[in-house]
PDB file of N, CA and C in Angstrom:
ATOM      1  N   MET A   1      -3.555  -5.122  11.335  1.00  0.00           N
ATOM      2  CA  MET A   1      -3.613  -4.542  10.015  1.00  0.00           C
ATOM      3  C   MET A   1      -4.188  -5.545   9.020  1.00  0.00           C
ATOM      4  N   ALA A   2      -4.989  -5.014   8.138  1.00  0.00           N
ATOM      5  CA  ALA A   2      -5.515  -5.806   7.035  1.00  0.00           C
ATOM      6  C   ALA A   2      -4.730  -5.423   5.779  1.00  0.00           C
ATOM      7  N   VAL A   3      -4.855  -6.238   4.759  1.00  0.00           N
ATOM      8  CA  VAL A   3      -4.193  -5.955   3.486  1.00  0.00           C
ATOM      9  C   VAL A   3      -5.265  -5.695   2.429  1.00  0.00           C
ATOM     10  N   ASP A   4      -5.158  -4.562   1.782  1.00  0.00           N
ATOM     11  CA  ASP A   4      -6.062  -4.238   0.665  1.00  0.00           C
ATOM     12  C   ASP A   4      -5.875  -5.316  -0.396  1.00  0.00           C
ATOM     13  N   PRO A   5      -6.936  -6.066  -0.745  1.00  0.00           N
ATOM     14  CA  PRO A   5      -6.771  -7.163  -1.703  1.00  0.00           C
ATOM     15  C   PRO A   5      -6.457  -6.697  -3.126  1.00  0.00           C
ATOM     16  N   VAL A   6      -6.648  -5.426  -3.405  1.00  0.00           N
ATOM     17  CA  VAL A   6      -6.405  -4.917  -4.762  1.00  0.00           C
ATOM     18  C   VAL A   6      -4.959  -4.476  -4.924  1.00  0.00           C
ATOM     19  N   CYS A   7      -4.493  -3.562  -4.063  1.00  0.00           N
ATOM     20  CA  CYS A   7      -3.143  -3.010  -4.232  1.00  0.00           C
ATOM     21  C   CYS A   7      -2.133  -3.572  -3.241  1.00  0.00           C
ATOM     22  N   LYS A   8      -2.612  -4.409  -2.290  1.00  0.00           N
ATOM     23  CA  LYS A   8      -1.770  -5.078  -1.279  1.00  0.00           C
ATOM     24  C   LYS A   8      -1.187  -4.107  -0.244  1.00  0.00           C
ATOM     25  N   MET A   9      -1.736  -2.926  -0.125  1.00  0.00           N
ATOM     26  CA  MET A   9      -1.292  -1.950   0.870  1.00  0.00           C
ATOM     27  C   MET A   9      -1.873  -2.320   2.235  1.00  0.00           C
ATOM     28  N   ASP A  10      -1.123  -2.058   3.308  1.00  0.00           N
ATOM     29  CA  ASP A  10      -1.628  -2.290   4.659  1.00  0.00           C
ATOM     30  C   ASP A  10      -2.702  -1.256   4.976  1.00  0.00           C
ATOM     31  N   VAL A  11      -3.797  -1.726   5.603  1.00  0.00           N
ATOM     32  CA  VAL A  11      -4.908  -0.849   5.965  1.00  0.00           C
ATOM     33  C   VAL A  11      -5.281  -1.125   7.419  1.00  0.00           C
ATOM     34  N   ASP A  12      -5.384  -0.063   8.214  1.00  0.00           N
ATOM     35  CA  ASP A  12      -5.777  -0.193   9.616  1.00  0.00           C
ATOM     36  C   ASP A  12      -7.295  -0.395   9.675  1.00  0.00           C
ATOM     37  N   GLU A  13      -7.715  -1.551  10.179  1.00  0.00           N
ATOM     38  CA  GLU A  13      -9.161  -1.847  10.214  1.00  0.00           C
ATOM     39  C   GLU A  13      -9.934  -0.832  11.050  1.00  0.00           C
ATOM     40  N   ALA A  14      -9.315  -0.316  12.100  1.00  0.00           N
ATOM     41  CA  ALA A  14     -10.002   0.610  13.008  1.00  0.00           C
ATOM     42  C   ALA A  14     -10.314   1.952  12.359  1.00  0.00           C
ATOM     43  N   SER A  15      -9.519   2.372  11.398  1.00  0.00           N
ATOM     44  CA  SER A  15      -9.738   3.686  10.792  1.00  0.00           C
ATOM     45  C   SER A  15     -10.053   3.601   9.295  1.00  0.00           C
ATOM     46  N   ALA A  16     -10.239   2.416   8.771  1.00  0.00           N
ATOM     47  CA  ALA A  16     -10.506   2.261   7.339  1.00  0.00           C
ATOM     48  C   ALA A  16     -11.831   2.906   6.952  1.00  0.00           C
ATOM     49  N   LYS A  17     -11.808   3.733   5.915  1.00  0.00           N
ATOM     50  CA  LYS A  17     -13.022   4.391   5.424  1.00  0.00           C
ATOM     51  C   LYS A  17     -13.774   3.519   4.432  1.00  0.00           C
ATOM     52  N   TYR A  18     -13.044   2.634   3.760  1.00  0.00           N
ATOM     53  CA  TYR A  18     -13.648   1.874   2.665  1.00  0.00           C
ATOM     54  C   TYR A  18     -13.612   0.386   2.983  1.00  0.00           C
ATOM     55  N   THR A  19     -14.780  -0.193   3.072  1.00  0.00           N
ATOM     56  CA  THR A  19     -14.884  -1.626   3.347  1.00  0.00           C
ATOM     57  C   THR A  19     -15.919  -2.236   2.416  1.00  0.00           C
ATOM     58  N   ALA A  20     -15.844  -3.539   2.272  1.00  0.00           N
ATOM     59  CA  ALA A  20     -16.843  -4.273   1.499  1.00  0.00           C
ATOM     60  C   ALA A  20     -17.004  -5.650   2.120  1.00  0.00           C
ATOM     61  N   GLU A  21     -18.208  -6.155   2.068  1.00  0.00           N
ATOM     62  CA  GLU A  21     -18.505  -7.502   2.541  1.00  0.00           C
ATOM     63  C   GLU A  21     -18.578  -8.418   1.323  1.00  0.00           C
ATOM     64  N   TYR A  22     -17.941  -9.572   1.457  1.00  0.00           N
ATOM     65  CA  TYR A  22     -18.025 -10.563   0.381  1.00  0.00           C
ATOM     66  C   TYR A  22     -17.953 -11.940   0.995  1.00  0.00           C
ATOM     67  N   GLN A  23     -18.941 -12.748   0.752  1.00  0.00           N
ATOM     68  CA  GLN A  23     -19.040 -14.108   1.267  1.00  0.00           C
ATOM     69  C   GLN A  23     -18.812 -14.152   2.775  1.00  0.00           C
ATOM     70  N   GLY A  24     -19.437 -13.222   3.486  1.00  0.00           N
ATOM     71  CA  GLY A  24     -19.399 -13.214   4.941  1.00  0.00           C
ATOM     72  C   GLY A  24     -18.131 -12.667   5.560  1.00  0.00           C
ATOM     73  N   ARG A  25     -17.257 -12.112   4.760  1.00  0.00           N
ATOM     74  CA  ARG A  25     -15.999 -11.577   5.266  1.00  0.00           C
ATOM     75  C   ARG A  25     -15.896 -10.094   4.901  1.00  0.00           C
ATOM     76  N   THR A  26     -15.277  -9.316   5.798  1.00  0.00           N
ATOM     77  CA  THR A  26     -15.083  -7.894   5.541  1.00  0.00           C
ATOM     78  C   THR A  26     -13.693  -7.675   4.956  1.00  0.00           C
ATOM     79  N   TYR A  27     -13.634  -6.894   3.882  1.00  0.00           N
ATOM     80  CA  TYR A  27     -12.364  -6.521   3.245  1.00  0.00           C
ATOM     81  C   TYR A  27     -12.174  -5.018   3.393  1.00  0.00           C
ATOM     82  N   TYR A  28     -10.927  -4.609   3.561  1.00  0.00           N
ATOM     83  CA  TYR A  28     -10.593  -3.205   3.814  1.00  0.00           C
ATOM     84  C   TYR A  28      -9.764  -2.672   2.653  1.00  0.00           C
ATOM     85  N   PHE A  29     -10.033  -1.393   2.312  1.00  0.00           N
ATOM     86  CA  PHE A  29      -9.383  -0.784   1.153  1.00  0.00           C
ATOM     87  C   PHE A  29      -8.756   0.549   1.529  1.00  0.00           C
ATOM     88  N   CYS A  30      -7.684   0.885   0.809  1.00  0.00           N
ATOM     89  CA  CYS A  30      -6.985   2.143   1.082  1.00  0.00           C
ATOM     90  C   CYS A  30      -7.657   3.326   0.398  1.00  0.00           C
ATOM     91  N   ALA A  31      -8.426   3.063  -0.648  1.00  0.00           N
ATOM     92  CA  ALA A  31      -9.016   4.146  -1.435  1.00  0.00           C
ATOM     93  C   ALA A  31     -10.310   3.663  -2.095  1.00  0.00           C
ATOM     94  N   PRO A  32     -11.175   4.609  -2.467  1.00  0.00           N
ATOM     95  CA  PRO A  32     -12.438   4.213  -3.102  1.00  0.00           C
ATOM     96  C   PRO A  32     -12.236   3.491  -4.426  1.00  0.00           C
ATOM     97  N   GLY A  33     -11.159   3.806  -5.135  1.00  0.00           N
ATOM     98  CA  GLY A  33     -10.887   3.136  -6.413  1.00  0.00           C
ATOM     99  C   GLY A  33     -10.631   1.658  -6.222  1.00  0.00           C
ATOM    100  N   CYS A  34      -9.896   1.300  -5.173  1.00  0.00           N
ATOM    101  CA  CYS A  34      -9.632  -0.115  -4.892  1.00  0.00           C
ATOM    102  C   CYS A  34     -10.928  -0.834  -4.533  1.00  0.00           C
ATOM    103  N   LYS A  35     -11.762  -0.202  -3.732  1.00  0.00           N
ATOM    104  CA  LYS A  35     -13.048  -0.801  -3.365  1.00  0.00           C
ATOM    105  C   LYS A  35     -13.901  -1.043  -4.609  1.00  0.00           C
ATOM    106  N   LYS A  36     -13.946  -0.069  -5.487  1.00  0.00           N
ATOM    107  CA  LYS A  36     -14.756  -0.177  -6.700  1.00  0.00           C
ATOM    108  C   LYS A  36     -14.267  -1.331  -7.585  1.00  0.00           C
ATOM    109  N   LEU A  37     -12.949  -1.446  -7.749  1.00  0.00           N
ATOM    110  CA  LEU A  37     -12.401  -2.536  -8.554  1.00  0.00           C
ATOM    111  C   LEU A  37     -12.729  -3.891  -7.932  1.00  0.00           C
ATOM    112  N   PHE A  38     -12.603  -3.976  -6.608  1.00  0.00           N
ATOM    113  CA  PHE A  38     -12.892  -5.232  -5.917  1.00  0.00           C
ATOM    114  C   PHE A  38     -14.357  -5.622  -6.096  1.00  0.00           C
ATOM    115  N   GLU A  39     -15.255  -4.665  -5.911  1.00  0.00           N
ATOM    116  CA  GLU A  39     -16.683  -4.964  -6.002  1.00  0.00           C
ATOM    117  C   GLU A  39     -17.087  -5.372  -7.426  1.00  0.00           C
ATOM    118  N   ARG A  40     -16.358  -4.906  -8.404  1.00  0.00           N
ATOM    119  CA  ARG A  40     -16.647  -5.249  -9.794  1.00  0.00           C
ATOM    120  C   ARG A  40     -16.342  -6.722 -10.071  1.00  0.00           C
ATOM    121  N   ASP A  41     -15.255  -7.258  -9.462  1.00  0.00           N
ATOM    122  CA  ASP A  41     -14.861  -8.649  -9.701  1.00  0.00           C
ATOM    123  C   ASP A  41     -14.039  -9.164  -8.517  1.00  0.00           C
ATOM    124  N   PRO A  42     -14.685  -9.466  -7.392  1.00  0.00           N
ATOM    125  CA  PRO A  42     -13.947  -9.880  -6.181  1.00  0.00           C
ATOM    126  C   PRO A  42     -13.056 -11.090  -6.390  1.00  0.00           C
ATOM    127  N   GLU A  43     -13.517 -12.059  -7.121  1.00  0.00           N
ATOM    128  CA  GLU A  43     -12.737 -13.289  -7.301  1.00  0.00           C
ATOM    129  C   GLU A  43     -11.386 -13.025  -7.970  1.00  0.00           C
ATOM    130  N   ALA A  44     -11.313 -12.015  -8.808  1.00  0.00           N
ATOM    131  CA  ALA A  44     -10.050 -11.691  -9.480  1.00  0.00           C
ATOM    132  C   ALA A  44      -8.972 -11.282  -8.480  1.00  0.00           C
ATOM    133  N   TYR A  45      -9.394 -10.708  -7.345  1.00  0.00           N
ATOM    134  CA  TYR A  45      -8.430 -10.224  -6.351  1.00  0.00           C
ATOM    135  C   TYR A  45      -8.209 -11.200  -5.206  1.00  0.00           C
ATOM    136  N   LEU A  46      -9.015 -12.235  -5.135  1.00  0.00           N
ATOM    137  CA  LEU A  46      -8.884 -13.202  -4.050  1.00  0.00           C
ATOM    138  C   LEU A  46      -8.139 -14.456  -4.473  1.00  0.00           C
ATOM    139  N   LYS A  47      -7.793 -14.556  -5.731  1.00  0.00           N
ATOM    140  CA  LYS A  47      -7.030 -15.707  -6.209  1.00  0.00           C
ATOM    141  C   LYS A  47      -5.615 -15.646  -5.660  1.00  0.00           C
ATOM    142  N   GLU A  48      -5.094 -16.803  -5.343  1.00  0.00           N
ATOM    143  CA  GLU A  48      -3.702 -16.878  -4.897  1.00  0.00           C
ATOM    144  C   GLU A  48      -2.790 -16.648  -6.105  1.00  0.00           C
ATOM    145  N   PRO A  49      -1.683 -15.936  -5.919  1.00  0.00           N
ATOM    146  CA  PRO A  49      -0.777 -15.691  -7.057  1.00  0.00           C
ATOM    147  C   PRO A  49      -0.116 -16.963  -7.543  1.00  0.00           C
TER     148      PRO A  49
END
């Protein structure tokens, strides 16, 4: 399982509909809204809390 970097929901990589590539890595999203937010500002969601 991957973790959606926006909402932190678990996402199954095998069935994920929404993905994005950033700096050579694939990220998985639970919904198109999360993907859109991530693509707008990826660094905001990749920062450690």
